[in-house]
Amino acid sequence: MNYARGNQTVVNAVDGLLARTGLPIDALFTTLGRTAARMLQTLLVGQASLVTFDALLTNIQSDESTYVKPEIDPNQVYEGYSMIEAPRGMLSHWIRIKDGKVENYQAVVPTTWNAGYC
């Protein structure tokens, strides 16, 4: 989709792969294409990670106050969750804070899901 939409980063990666391998663009619509897409995704995520890492270093070098103490009202109840697709599968976390302390924390990790298939 990003290639078809003209995302320049993706277009450069895909066109570079096709040029280096001598494959026609139709090869992308095959099993080889799906495998190449996974490889290119890894490359693009790695490149984006380096950009994020460089931004983090710049931030640390320009501001040493990288920690902000959270202000938690002990009279409030806080709840939060996160669900993402991790490399090995679904990853989720739930938390509940009551009286200024963690009352409940739960994580469902990919191993939980994957172990059920063994």
PDB file of N, CA and C in Angstrom:
ATOM      1  N   MET A   1       0.821  -1.181   0.000  1.00  0.00           N
ATOM      2  CA  MET A   1       0.000   0.000   0.000  1.00  0.00           C
ATOM      3  C   MET A   1       0.870   1.251   0.000  1.00  0.00           C
ATOM      4  N   ASN A   2       1.915   1.251   0.830  1.00  0.00           N
ATOM      5  CA  ASN A   2       2.783   2.427   0.872  1.00  0.00           C
ATOM      6  C   ASN A   2       3.501   2.641  -0.452  1.00  0.00           C
ATOM      7  N   TYR A   3       3.802   1.557  -1.130  1.00  0.00           N
ATOM      8  CA  TYR A   3       4.439   1.682  -2.446  1.00  0.00           C
ATOM      9  C   TYR A   3       3.461   2.314  -3.424  1.00  0.00           C
ATOM     10  N   ALA A   4       2.229   1.800  -3.438  1.00  0.00           N
ATOM     11  CA  ALA A   4       1.205   2.317  -4.347  1.00  0.00           C
ATOM     12  C   ALA A   4       0.854   3.771  -4.024  1.00  0.00           C
ATOM     13  N   ARG A   5       0.911   4.137  -2.762  1.00  0.00           N
ATOM     14  CA  ARG A   5       0.605   5.509  -2.358  1.00  0.00           C
ATOM     15  C   ARG A   5       1.761   6.473  -2.633  1.00  0.00           C
ATOM     16  N   GLY A   6       2.912   5.921  -2.960  1.00  0.00           N
ATOM     17  CA  GLY A   6       4.045   6.764  -3.303  1.00  0.00           C
ATOM     18  C   GLY A   6       4.886   7.201  -2.122  1.00  0.00           C
ATOM     19  N   ASN A   7       4.802   6.473  -0.999  1.00  0.00           N
ATOM     20  CA  ASN A   7       5.659   6.779   0.150  1.00  0.00           C
ATOM     21  C   ASN A   7       7.101   6.649  -0.325  1.00  0.00           C
ATOM     22  N   GLN A   8       7.813   7.772  -0.365  1.00  0.00           N
ATOM     23  CA  GLN A   8       9.124   7.801  -1.003  1.00  0.00           C
ATOM     24  C   GLN A   8      10.119   6.847  -0.357  1.00  0.00           C
ATOM     25  N   THR A   9      10.062   6.696   0.953  1.00  0.00           N
ATOM     26  CA  THR A   9      10.975   5.781   1.633  1.00  0.00           C
ATOM     27  C   THR A   9      10.742   4.353   1.167  1.00  0.00           C
ATOM     28  N   VAL A  10       9.477   3.965   1.077  1.00  0.00           N
ATOM     29  CA  VAL A  10       9.131   2.609   0.647  1.00  0.00           C
ATOM     30  C   VAL A  10       9.420   2.426  -0.839  1.00  0.00           C
ATOM     31  N   VAL A  11       9.081   3.418  -1.637  1.00  0.00           N
ATOM     32  CA  VAL A  11       9.342   3.340  -3.083  1.00  0.00           C
ATOM     33  C   VAL A  11      10.836   3.144  -3.333  1.00  0.00           C
ATOM     34  N   ASN A  12      11.666   3.905  -2.617  1.00  0.00           N
ATOM     35  CA  ASN A  12      13.118   3.764  -2.796  1.00  0.00           C
ATOM     36  C   ASN A  12      13.590   2.360  -2.412  1.00  0.00           C
ATOM     37  N   ALA A  13      13.062   1.820  -1.309  1.00  0.00           N
ATOM     38  CA  ALA A  13      13.473   0.486  -0.860  1.00  0.00           C
ATOM     39  C   ALA A  13      13.044  -0.580  -1.859  1.00  0.00           C
ATOM     40  N   VAL A  14      11.794  -0.505  -2.310  1.00  0.00           N
ATOM     41  CA  VAL A  14      11.279  -1.520  -3.243  1.00  0.00           C
ATOM     42  C   VAL A  14      11.975  -1.407  -4.588  1.00  0.00           C
ATOM     43  N   ASP A  15      12.080  -0.196  -5.122  1.00  0.00           N
ATOM     44  CA  ASP A  15      12.752  -0.014  -6.410  1.00  0.00           C
ATOM     45  C   ASP A  15      14.216  -0.444  -6.338  1.00  0.00           C
ATOM     46  N   GLY A  16      14.862  -0.178  -5.184  1.00  0.00           N
ATOM     47  CA  GLY A  16      16.247  -0.620  -5.012  1.00  0.00           C
ATOM     48  C   GLY A  16      16.360  -2.133  -5.040  1.00  0.00           C
ATOM     49  N   LEU A  17      15.420  -2.812  -4.365  1.00  0.00           N
ATOM     50  CA  LEU A  17      15.419  -4.274  -4.363  1.00  0.00           C
ATOM     51  C   LEU A  17      15.213  -4.813  -5.778  1.00  0.00           C
ATOM     52  N   LEU A  18      14.246  -4.250  -6.482  1.00  0.00           N
ATOM     53  CA  LEU A  18      13.968  -4.721  -7.850  1.00  0.00           C
ATOM     54  C   LEU A  18      15.169  -4.477  -8.760  1.00  0.00           C
ATOM     55  N   ALA A  19      15.820  -3.343  -8.602  1.00  0.00           N
ATOM     56  CA  ALA A  19      16.989  -3.036  -9.433  1.00  0.00           C
ATOM     57  C   ALA A  19      18.151  -3.987  -9.121  1.00  0.00           C
ATOM     58  N   ARG A  20      18.396  -4.248  -7.830  1.00  0.00           N
ATOM     59  CA  ARG A  20      19.516  -5.125  -7.456  1.00  0.00           C
ATOM     60  C   ARG A  20      19.287  -6.576  -7.877  1.00  0.00           C
ATOM     61  N   THR A  21      18.029  -7.001  -7.854  1.00  0.00           N
ATOM     62  CA  THR A  21      17.742  -8.400  -8.172  1.00  0.00           C
ATOM     63  C   THR A  21      17.394  -8.612  -9.642  1.00  0.00           C
ATOM     64  N   GLY A  22      17.070  -7.530 -10.336  1.00  0.00           N
ATOM     65  CA  GLY A  22      16.661  -7.655 -11.731  1.00  0.00           C
ATOM     66  C   GLY A  22      15.257  -8.210 -11.895  1.00  0.00           C
ATOM     67  N   LEU A  23      14.489  -8.234 -10.821  1.00  0.00           N
ATOM     68  CA  LEU A  23      13.119  -8.765 -10.865  1.00  0.00           C
ATOM     69  C   LEU A  23      12.158  -7.715 -11.405  1.00  0.00           C
ATOM     70  N   PRO A  24      11.125  -8.177 -12.125  1.00  0.00           N
ATOM     71  CA  PRO A  24      10.091  -7.239 -12.580  1.00  0.00           C
ATOM     72  C   PRO A  24       9.153  -6.912 -11.411  1.00  0.00           C
ATOM     73  N   ILE A  25       8.403  -5.834 -11.533  1.00  0.00           N
ATOM     74  CA  ILE A  25       7.492  -5.446 -10.468  1.00  0.00           C
ATOM     75  C   ILE A  25       6.418  -6.510 -10.218  1.00  0.00           C
ATOM     76  N   ASP A  26       6.077  -7.295 -11.236  1.00  0.00           N
ATOM     77  CA  ASP A  26       5.087  -8.371 -11.065  1.00  0.00           C
ATOM     78  C   ASP A  26       5.544  -9.418 -10.045  1.00  0.00           C
ATOM     79  N   ALA A  27       6.831  -9.504  -9.805  1.00  0.00           N
ATOM     80  CA  ALA A  27       7.352 -10.467  -8.829  1.00  0.00           C
ATOM     81  C   ALA A  27       6.875 -10.141  -7.418  1.00  0.00           C
ATOM     82  N   LEU A  28       6.445  -8.890  -7.206  1.00  0.00           N
ATOM     83  CA  LEU A  28       5.963  -8.508  -5.880  1.00  0.00           C
ATOM     84  C   LEU A  28       4.640  -9.194  -5.527  1.00  0.00           C
ATOM     85  N   PHE A  29       3.941  -9.675  -6.519  1.00  0.00           N
ATOM     86  CA  PHE A  29       2.629 -10.295  -6.293  1.00  0.00           C
ATOM     87  C   PHE A  29       2.722 -11.819  -6.254  1.00  0.00           C
ATOM     88  N   THR A  30       3.812 -12.304  -5.689  1.00  0.00           N
ATOM     89  CA  THR A  30       4.053 -13.741  -5.585  1.00  0.00           C
ATOM     90  C   THR A  30       4.504 -14.056  -4.158  1.00  0.00           C
ATOM     91  N   THR A  31       4.743 -15.328  -3.908  1.00  0.00           N
ATOM     92  CA  THR A  31       5.289 -15.724  -2.615  1.00  0.00           C
ATOM     93  C   THR A  31       6.630 -15.038  -2.379  1.00  0.00           C
ATOM     94  N   LEU A  32       7.430 -14.931  -3.417  1.00  0.00           N
ATOM     95  CA  LEU A  32       8.707 -14.221  -3.325  1.00  0.00           C
ATOM     96  C   LEU A  32       8.471 -12.771  -2.913  1.00  0.00           C
ATOM     97  N   GLY A  33       7.441 -12.146  -3.478  1.00  0.00           N
ATOM     98  CA  GLY A  33       7.122 -10.760  -3.143  1.00  0.00           C
ATOM     99  C   GLY A  33       6.734 -10.594  -1.684  1.00  0.00           C
ATOM    100  N   ARG A  34       5.950 -11.543  -1.159  1.00  0.00           N
ATOM    101  CA  ARG A  34       5.562 -11.467   0.252  1.00  0.00           C
ATOM    102  C   ARG A  34       6.785 -11.626   1.154  1.00  0.00           C
ATOM    103  N   THR A  35       7.684 -12.520   0.775  1.00  0.00           N
ATOM    104  CA  THR A  35       8.904 -12.712   1.549  1.00  0.00           C
ATOM    105  C   THR A  35       9.784 -11.459   1.470  1.00  0.00           C
ATOM    106  N   ALA A  36       9.876 -10.888   0.292  1.00  0.00           N
ATOM    107  CA  ALA A  36      10.658  -9.655   0.121  1.00  0.00           C
ATOM    108  C   ALA A  36      10.039  -8.510   0.928  1.00  0.00           C
ATOM    109  N   ALA A  37       8.707  -8.463   0.992  1.00  0.00           N
ATOM    110  CA  ALA A  37       8.031  -7.414   1.758  1.00  0.00           C
ATOM    111  C   ALA A  37       8.390  -7.516   3.236  1.00  0.00           C
ATOM    112  N   ARG A  38       8.458  -8.736   3.747  1.00  0.00           N
ATOM    113  CA  ARG A  38       8.848  -8.917   5.152  1.00  0.00           C
ATOM    114  C   ARG A  38      10.285  -8.439   5.383  1.00  0.00           C
ATOM    115  N   MET A  39      11.150  -8.755   4.441  1.00  0.00           N
ATOM    116  CA  MET A  39      12.537  -8.335   4.549  1.00  0.00           C
ATOM    117  C   MET A  39      12.638  -6.815   4.490  1.00  0.00           C
ATOM    118  N   LEU A  40      11.915  -6.202   3.555  1.00  0.00           N
ATOM    119  CA  LEU A  40      11.957  -4.755   3.428  1.00  0.00           C
ATOM    120  C   LEU A  40      11.337  -4.073   4.648  1.00  0.00           C
ATOM    121  N   GLN A  41      10.308  -4.678   5.218  1.00  0.00           N
ATOM    122  CA  GLN A  41       9.705  -4.117   6.430  1.00  0.00           C
ATOM    123  C   GLN A  41      10.741  -4.087   7.555  1.00  0.00           C
ATOM    124  N   THR A  42      11.508  -5.154   7.680  1.00  0.00           N
ATOM    125  CA  THR A  42      12.558  -5.203   8.695  1.00  0.00           C
ATOM    126  C   THR A  42      13.578  -4.097   8.455  1.00  0.00           C
ATOM    127  N   LEU A  43      13.972  -3.915   7.208  1.00  0.00           N
ATOM    128  CA  LEU A  43      14.921  -2.856   6.856  1.00  0.00           C
ATOM    129  C   LEU A  43      14.351  -1.486   7.214  1.00  0.00           C
ATOM    130  N   LEU A  44      13.107  -1.224   6.826  1.00  0.00           N
ATOM    131  CA  LEU A  44      12.496   0.082   7.061  1.00  0.00           C
ATOM    132  C   LEU A  44      12.276   0.355   8.551  1.00  0.00           C
ATOM    133  N   VAL A  45      11.879  -0.666   9.301  1.00  0.00           N
ATOM    134  CA  VAL A  45      11.711  -0.494  10.743  1.00  0.00           C
ATOM    135  C   VAL A  45      13.068  -0.213  11.383  1.00  0.00           C
ATOM    136  N   GLY A  46      14.098  -0.907  10.938  1.00  0.00           N
ATOM    137  CA  GLY A  46      15.443  -0.666  11.455  1.00  0.00           C
ATOM    138  C   GLY A  46      15.903   0.755  11.167  1.00  0.00           C
ATOM    139  N   GLN A  47      15.657   1.240   9.968  1.00  0.00           N
ATOM    140  CA  GLN A  47      16.038   2.607   9.619  1.00  0.00           C
ATOM    141  C   GLN A  47      15.262   3.621  10.462  1.00  0.00           C
ATOM    142  N   ALA A  48      13.963   3.385  10.641  1.00  0.00           N
ATOM    143  CA  ALA A  48      13.143   4.285  11.462  1.00  0.00           C
ATOM    144  C   ALA A  48      13.613   4.246  12.921  1.00  0.00           C
ATOM    145  N   SER A  49      14.042   3.081  13.378  1.00  0.00           N
ATOM    146  CA  SER A  49      14.546   2.961  14.751  1.00  0.00           C
ATOM    147  C   SER A  49      15.789   3.811  14.954  1.00  0.00           C
ATOM    148  N   LEU A  50      16.649   3.852  13.949  1.00  0.00           N
ATOM    149  CA  LEU A  50      17.856   4.680  14.055  1.00  0.00           C
ATOM    150  C   LEU A  50      17.494   6.166  14.128  1.00  0.00           C
ATOM    151  N   VAL A  51      16.482   6.584  13.384  1.00  0.00           N
ATOM    152  CA  VAL A  51      16.028   7.981  13.447  1.00  0.00           C
ATOM    153  C   VAL A  51      15.510   8.288  14.854  1.00  0.00           C
ATOM    154  N   THR A  52      14.717   7.364  15.411  1.00  0.00           N
ATOM    155  CA  THR A  52      14.186   7.546  16.758  1.00  0.00           C
ATOM    156  C   THR A  52      15.314   7.573  17.780  1.00  0.00           C
ATOM    157  N   PHE A  53      16.273   6.683  17.634  1.00  0.00           N
ATOM    158  CA  PHE A  53      17.414   6.627  18.552  1.00  0.00           C
ATOM    159  C   PHE A  53      18.218   7.922  18.492  1.00  0.00           C
ATOM    160  N   ASP A  54      18.457   8.423  17.282  1.00  0.00           N
ATOM    161  CA  ASP A  54      19.191   9.681  17.147  1.00  0.00           C
ATOM    162  C   ASP A  54      18.432  10.835  17.799  1.00  0.00           C
ATOM    163  N   ALA A  55      17.106  10.845  17.663  1.00  0.00           N
ATOM    164  CA  ALA A  55      16.297  11.888  18.300  1.00  0.00           C
ATOM    165  C   ALA A  55      16.389  11.783  19.818  1.00  0.00           C
ATOM    166  N   LEU A  56      16.403  10.564  20.329  1.00  0.00           N
ATOM    167  CA  LEU A  56      16.548  10.356  21.767  1.00  0.00           C
ATOM    168  C   LEU A  56      17.896  10.879  22.253  1.00  0.00           C
ATOM    169  N   LEU A  57      18.962  10.563  21.529  1.00  0.00           N
ATOM    170  CA  LEU A  57      20.290  11.056  21.917  1.00  0.00           C
ATOM    171  C   LEU A  57      20.340  12.577  21.901  1.00  0.00           C
ATOM    172  N   THR A  58      19.766  13.183  20.882  1.00  0.00           N
ATOM    173  CA  THR A  58      19.728  14.644  20.788  1.00  0.00           C
ATOM    174  C   THR A  58      18.991  15.228  21.982  1.00  0.00           C
ATOM    175  N   ASN A  59      17.871  14.594  22.360  1.00  0.00           N
ATOM    176  CA  ASN A  59      17.090  15.062  23.494  1.00  0.00           C
ATOM    177  C   ASN A  59      17.878  14.944  24.793  1.00  0.00           C
ATOM    178  N   ILE A  60      18.520  13.816  24.987  1.00  0.00           N
ATOM    179  CA  ILE A  60      19.291  13.601  26.218  1.00  0.00           C
ATOM    180  C   ILE A  60      20.450  14.598  26.304  1.00  0.00           C
ATOM    181  N   GLN A  61      21.085  14.865  25.183  1.00  0.00           N
ATOM    182  CA  GLN A  61      22.222  15.781  25.187  1.00  0.00           C
ATOM    183  C   GLN A  61      21.806  17.234  25.394  1.00  0.00           C
ATOM    184  N   SER A  62      20.566  17.563  25.050  1.00  0.00           N
ATOM    185  CA  SER A  62      20.123  18.953  25.171  1.00  0.00           C
ATOM    186  C   SER A  62      19.351  19.229  26.459  1.00  0.00           C
ATOM    187  N   ASP A  63      18.886  18.178  27.134  1.00  0.00           N
ATOM    188  CA  ASP A  63      18.068  18.373  28.331  1.00  0.00           C
ATOM    189  C   ASP A  63      18.294  17.210  29.276  1.00  0.00           C
ATOM    190  N   GLU A  64      18.924  17.488  30.404  1.00  0.00           N
ATOM    191  CA  GLU A  64      19.211  16.417  31.343  1.00  0.00           C
ATOM    192  C   GLU A  64      18.035  16.076  32.237  1.00  0.00           C
ATOM    193  N   SER A  65      16.976  16.862  32.197  1.00  0.00           N
ATOM    194  CA  SER A  65      15.801  16.563  33.030  1.00  0.00           C
ATOM    195  C   SER A  65      14.860  15.634  32.255  1.00  0.00           C
ATOM    196  N   THR A  66      15.298  14.401  32.083  1.00  0.00           N
ATOM    197  CA  THR A  66      14.522  13.448  31.281  1.00  0.00           C
ATOM    198  C   THR A  66      13.445  12.732  32.084  1.00  0.00           C
ATOM    199  N   TYR A  67      13.421  12.956  33.391  1.00  0.00           N
ATOM    200  CA  TYR A  67      12.415  12.295  34.222  1.00  0.00           C
ATOM    201  C   TYR A  67      11.482  13.345  34.813  1.00  0.00           C
ATOM    202  N   VAL A  68      10.204  13.122  34.672  1.00  0.00           N
ATOM    203  CA  VAL A  68       9.204  13.988  35.275  1.00  0.00           C
ATOM    204  C   VAL A  68       8.410  13.139  36.244  1.00  0.00           C
ATOM    205  N   LYS A  69       8.486  13.491  37.522  1.00  0.00           N
ATOM    206  CA  LYS A  69       7.780  12.715  38.536  1.00  0.00           C
ATOM    207  C   LYS A  69       6.270  12.841  38.309  1.00  0.00           C
ATOM    208  N   PRO A  70       5.581  11.715  38.205  1.00  0.00           N
ATOM    209  CA  PRO A  70       4.136  11.785  37.963  1.00  0.00           C
ATOM    210  C   PRO A  70       3.405  12.332  39.186  1.00  0.00           C
ATOM    211  N   GLU A  71       2.377  13.093  38.930  1.00  0.00           N
ATOM    212  CA  GLU A  71       1.544  13.599  39.999  1.00  0.00           C
ATOM    213  C   GLU A  71       0.285  12.746  40.051  1.00  0.00           C
ATOM    214  N   ILE A  72       0.178  11.949  41.097  1.00  0.00           N
ATOM    215  CA  ILE A  72      -0.961  11.039  41.229  1.00  0.00           C
ATOM    216  C   ILE A  72      -1.794  11.486  42.417  1.00  0.00           C
ATOM    217  N   ASP A  73      -3.039  11.790  42.151  1.00  0.00           N
ATOM    218  CA  ASP A  73      -3.980  12.169  43.210  1.00  0.00           C
ATOM    219  C   ASP A  73      -4.452  10.884  43.887  1.00  0.00           C
ATOM    220  N   PRO A  74      -4.140  10.691  45.168  1.00  0.00           N
ATOM    221  CA  PRO A  74      -4.518   9.447  45.848  1.00  0.00           C
ATOM    222  C   PRO A  74      -6.035   9.258  45.954  1.00  0.00           C
ATOM    223  N   ASN A  75      -6.789  10.313  45.693  1.00  0.00           N
ATOM    224  CA  ASN A  75      -8.255  10.209  45.760  1.00  0.00           C
ATOM    225  C   ASN A  75      -8.867   9.779  44.429  1.00  0.00           C
ATOM    226  N   GLN A  76      -8.035   9.651  43.421  1.00  0.00           N
ATOM    227  CA  GLN A  76      -8.510   9.258  42.093  1.00  0.00           C
ATOM    228  C   GLN A  76      -8.167   7.792  41.832  1.00  0.00           C
ATOM    229  N   VAL A  77      -8.939   7.191  40.932  1.00  0.00           N
ATOM    230  CA  VAL A  77      -8.638   5.849  40.432  1.00  0.00           C
ATOM    231  C   VAL A  77      -8.217   6.013  38.977  1.00  0.00           C
ATOM    232  N   TYR A  78      -7.072   5.442  38.635  1.00  0.00           N
ATOM    233  CA  TYR A  78      -6.549   5.529  37.279  1.00  0.00           C
ATOM    234  C   TYR A  78      -6.547   4.140  36.656  1.00  0.00           C
ATOM    235  N   GLU A  79      -6.965   4.060  35.408  1.00  0.00           N
ATOM    236  CA  GLU A  79      -6.938   2.794  34.680  1.00  0.00           C
ATOM    237  C   GLU A  79      -6.346   3.039  33.302  1.00  0.00           C
ATOM    238  N   GLY A  80      -5.578   2.093  32.848  1.00  0.00           N
ATOM    239  CA  GLY A  80      -5.001   2.220  31.523  1.00  0.00           C
ATOM    240  C   GLY A  80      -4.731   0.860  30.919  1.00  0.00           C
ATOM    241  N   TYR A  81      -4.639   0.840  29.597  1.00  0.00           N
ATOM    242  CA  TYR A  81      -4.320  -0.408  28.911  1.00  0.00           C
ATOM    243  C   TYR A  81      -3.611  -0.091  27.606  1.00  0.00           C
ATOM    244  N   SER A  82      -2.941  -1.083  27.107  1.00  0.00           N
ATOM    245  CA  SER A  82      -2.268  -0.974  25.818  1.00  0.00           C
ATOM    246  C   SER A  82      -2.321  -2.328  25.139  1.00  0.00           C
ATOM    247  N   MET A  83      -2.613  -2.326  23.867  1.00  0.00           N
ATOM    248  CA  MET A  83      -2.604  -3.556  23.063  1.00  0.00           C
ATOM    249  C   MET A  83      -1.875  -3.262  21.762  1.00  0.00           C
ATOM    250  N   ILE A  84      -0.865  -4.066  21.478  1.00  0.00           N
ATOM    251  CA  ILE A  84      -0.111  -3.896  20.237  1.00  0.00           C
ATOM    252  C   ILE A  84       0.179  -5.262  19.622  1.00  0.00           C
ATOM    253  N   GLU A  85       0.534  -5.247  18.380  1.00  0.00           N
ATOM    254  CA  GLU A  85       0.962  -6.460  17.700  1.00  0.00           C
ATOM    255  C   GLU A  85       2.484  -6.486  17.773  1.00  0.00           C
ATOM    256  N   ALA A  86       3.021  -7.348  18.605  1.00  0.00           N
ATOM    257  CA  ALA A  86       4.462  -7.495  18.761  1.00  0.00           C
ATOM    258  C   ALA A  86       4.961  -8.533  17.737  1.00  0.00           C
ATOM    259  N   PRO A  87       6.276  -8.636  17.550  1.00  0.00           N
ATOM    260  CA  PRO A  87       6.784  -9.586  16.550  1.00  0.00           C
ATOM    261  C   PRO A  87       6.300 -11.023  16.732  1.00  0.00           C
ATOM    262  N   ARG A  88       6.093 -11.471  17.965  1.00  0.00           N
ATOM    263  CA  ARG A  88       5.665 -12.857  18.172  1.00  0.00           C
ATOM    264  C   ARG A  88       4.160 -12.986  18.320  1.00  0.00           C
ATOM    265  N   GLY A  89       3.413 -11.874  18.327  1.00  0.00           N
ATOM    266  CA  GLY A  89       1.962 -11.935  18.463  1.00  0.00           C
ATOM    267  C   GLY A  89       1.425 -10.800  19.319  1.00  0.00           C
ATOM    268  N   MET A  90       0.171 -10.947  19.738  1.00  0.00           N
ATOM    269  CA  MET A  90      -0.536  -9.916  20.484  1.00  0.00           C
ATOM    270  C   MET A  90       0.082  -9.693  21.875  1.00  0.00           C
ATOM    271  N   LEU A  91       0.302  -8.435  22.235  1.00  0.00           N
ATOM    272  CA  LEU A  91       0.852  -8.067  23.535  1.00  0.00           C
ATOM    273  C   LEU A  91      -0.077  -7.032  24.158  1.00  0.00           C
ATOM    274  N   SER A  92      -0.498  -7.278  25.394  1.00  0.00           N
ATOM    275  CA  SER A  92      -1.406  -6.332  26.047  1.00  0.00           C
ATOM    276  C   SER A  92      -1.055  -6.180  27.527  1.00  0.00           C
ATOM    277  N   HIS A  93      -1.317  -4.987  28.027  1.00  0.00           N
ATOM    278  CA  HIS A  93      -1.073  -4.655  29.428  1.00  0.00           C
ATOM    279  C   HIS A  93      -2.291  -3.905  29.966  1.00  0.00           C
ATOM    280  N   TRP A  94      -2.663  -4.178  31.216  1.00  0.00           N
ATOM    281  CA  TRP A  94      -3.726  -3.454  31.910  1.00  0.00           C
ATOM    282  C   TRP A  94      -3.201  -3.051  33.273  1.00  0.00           C
ATOM    283  N   ILE A  95      -3.575  -1.842  33.719  1.00  0.00           N
ATOM    284  CA  ILE A  95      -3.165  -1.387  35.047  1.00  0.00           C
ATOM    285  C   ILE A  95      -4.299  -0.605  35.691  1.00  0.00           C
ATOM    286  N   ARG A  96      -4.387  -0.728  36.999  1.00  0.00           N
ATOM    287  CA  ARG A  96      -5.352   0.031  37.794  1.00  0.00           C
ATOM    288  C   ARG A  96      -4.600   0.571  39.008  1.00  0.00           C
ATOM    289  N   ILE A  97      -4.668   1.895  39.198  1.00  0.00           N
ATOM    290  CA  ILE A  97      -4.007   2.556  40.318  1.00  0.00           C
ATOM    291  C   ILE A  97      -5.095   3.128  41.222  1.00  0.00           C
ATOM    292  N   LYS A  98      -5.041   2.752  42.487  1.00  0.00           N
ATOM    293  CA  LYS A  98      -6.030   3.207  43.466  1.00  0.00           C
ATOM    294  C   LYS A  98      -5.283   3.563  44.754  1.00  0.00           C
ATOM    295  N   ASP A  99      -5.700   4.614  45.400  1.00  0.00           N
ATOM    296  CA  ASP A  99      -5.048   5.096  46.628  1.00  0.00           C
ATOM    297  C   ASP A  99      -3.555   5.386  46.395  1.00  0.00           C
ATOM    298  N   GLY A 100      -3.218   5.814  45.190  1.00  0.00           N
ATOM    299  CA  GLY A 100      -1.839   6.155  44.873  1.00  0.00           C
ATOM    300  C   GLY A 100      -0.920   4.973  44.666  1.00  0.00           C
ATOM    301  N   LYS A 101      -1.491   3.744  44.644  1.00  0.00           N
ATOM    302  CA  LYS A 101      -0.671   2.535  44.485  1.00  0.00           C
ATOM    303  C   LYS A 101      -1.265   1.647  43.401  1.00  0.00           C
ATOM    304  N   VAL A 102      -0.416   0.824  42.809  1.00  0.00           N
ATOM    305  CA  VAL A 102      -0.888  -0.125  41.808  1.00  0.00           C
ATOM    306  C   VAL A 102      -1.740  -1.180  42.508  1.00  0.00           C
ATOM    307  N   GLU A 103      -3.005  -1.209  42.141  1.00  0.00           N
ATOM    308  CA  GLU A 103      -3.917  -2.189  42.733  1.00  0.00           C
ATOM    309  C   GLU A 103      -3.920  -3.486  41.923  1.00  0.00           C
ATOM    310  N   ASN A 104      -3.810  -3.345  40.605  1.00  0.00           N
ATOM    311  CA  ASN A 104      -3.819  -4.529  39.744  1.00  0.00           C
ATOM    312  C   ASN A 104      -3.005  -4.232  38.490  1.00  0.00           C
ATOM    313  N   TYR A 105      -2.206  -5.197  38.094  1.00  0.00           N
ATOM    314  CA  TYR A 105      -1.453  -5.104  36.841  1.00  0.00           C
ATOM    315  C   TYR A 105      -1.524  -6.458  36.166  1.00  0.00           C
ATOM    316  N   GLN A 106      -1.823  -6.440  34.886  1.00  0.00           N
ATOM    317  CA  GLN A 106      -1.923  -7.703  34.148  1.00  0.00           C
ATOM    318  C   GLN A 106      -1.292  -7.520  32.778  1.00  0.00           C
ATOM    319  N   ALA A 107      -0.526  -8.496  32.375  1.00  0.00           N
ATOM    320  CA  ALA A 107       0.065  -8.504  31.040  1.00  0.00           C
ATOM    321  C   ALA A 107      -0.279  -9.836  30.377  1.00  0.00           C
ATOM    322  N   VAL A 108      -0.738  -9.758  29.147  1.00  0.00           N
ATOM    323  CA  VAL A 108      -0.940 -10.967  28.354  1.00  0.00           C
ATOM    324  C   VAL A 108       0.083 -10.874  27.224  1.00  0.00           C
ATOM    325  N   VAL A 109       1.064 -11.764  27.272  1.00  0.00           N
ATOM    326  CA  VAL A 109       2.193 -11.706  26.351  1.00  0.00           C
ATOM    327  C   VAL A 109       2.039 -12.750  25.251  1.00  0.00           C
ATOM    328  N   PRO A 110       2.782 -12.602  24.147  1.00  0.00           N
ATOM    329  CA  PRO A 110       2.646 -13.547  23.043  1.00  0.00           C
ATOM    330  C   PRO A 110       2.818 -15.010  23.447  1.00  0.00           C
ATOM    331  N   THR A 111       3.684 -15.284  24.404  1.00  0.00           N
ATOM    332  CA  THR A 111       3.886 -16.670  24.827  1.00  0.00           C
ATOM    333  C   THR A 111       2.596 -17.273  25.362  1.00  0.00           C
ATOM    334  N   THR A 112       1.797 -16.453  26.041  1.00  0.00           N
ATOM    335  CA  THR A 112       0.512 -16.938  26.555  1.00  0.00           C
ATOM    336  C   THR A 112      -0.345 -17.464  25.410  1.00  0.00           C
ATOM    337  N   TRP A 113      -0.404 -16.698  24.341  1.00  0.00           N
ATOM    338  CA  TRP A 113      -1.210 -17.092  23.171  1.00  0.00           C
ATOM    339  C   TRP A 113      -0.565 -18.285  22.451  1.00  0.00           C
ATOM    340  N   ASN A 114       0.756 -18.202  22.233  1.00  0.00           N
ATOM    341  CA  ASN A 114       1.453 -19.221  21.447  1.00  0.00           C
ATOM    342  C   ASN A 114       1.527 -20.565  22.173  1.00  0.00           C
ATOM    343  N   ALA A 115       1.635 -20.555  23.503  1.00  0.00           N
ATOM    344  CA  ALA A 115       1.749 -21.802  24.265  1.00  0.00           C
ATOM    345  C   ALA A 115       0.481 -22.642  24.151  1.00  0.00           C
ATOM    346  N   GLY A 116      -0.645 -22.002  23.895  1.00  0.00           N
ATOM    347  CA  GLY A 116      -1.901 -22.723  23.744  1.00  0.00           C
ATOM    348  C   GLY A 116      -1.942 -23.608  22.502  1.00  0.00           C
ATOM    349  N   TYR A 117      -1.039 -23.359  21.556  1.00  0.00           N
ATOM    350  CA  TYR A 117      -1.017 -24.124  20.318  1.00  0.00           C
ATOM    351  C   TYR A 117      -0.051 -25.300  20.352  1.00  0.00           C
ATOM    352  N   CYS A 118       0.651 -25.451  21.470  1.00  0.00           N
ATOM    353  CA  CYS A 118       1.658 -26.520  21.556  1.00  0.00           C
ATOM    354  C   CYS A 118       1.018 -27.866  21.815  1.00  0.00           C
TER     355      CYS A 118
END
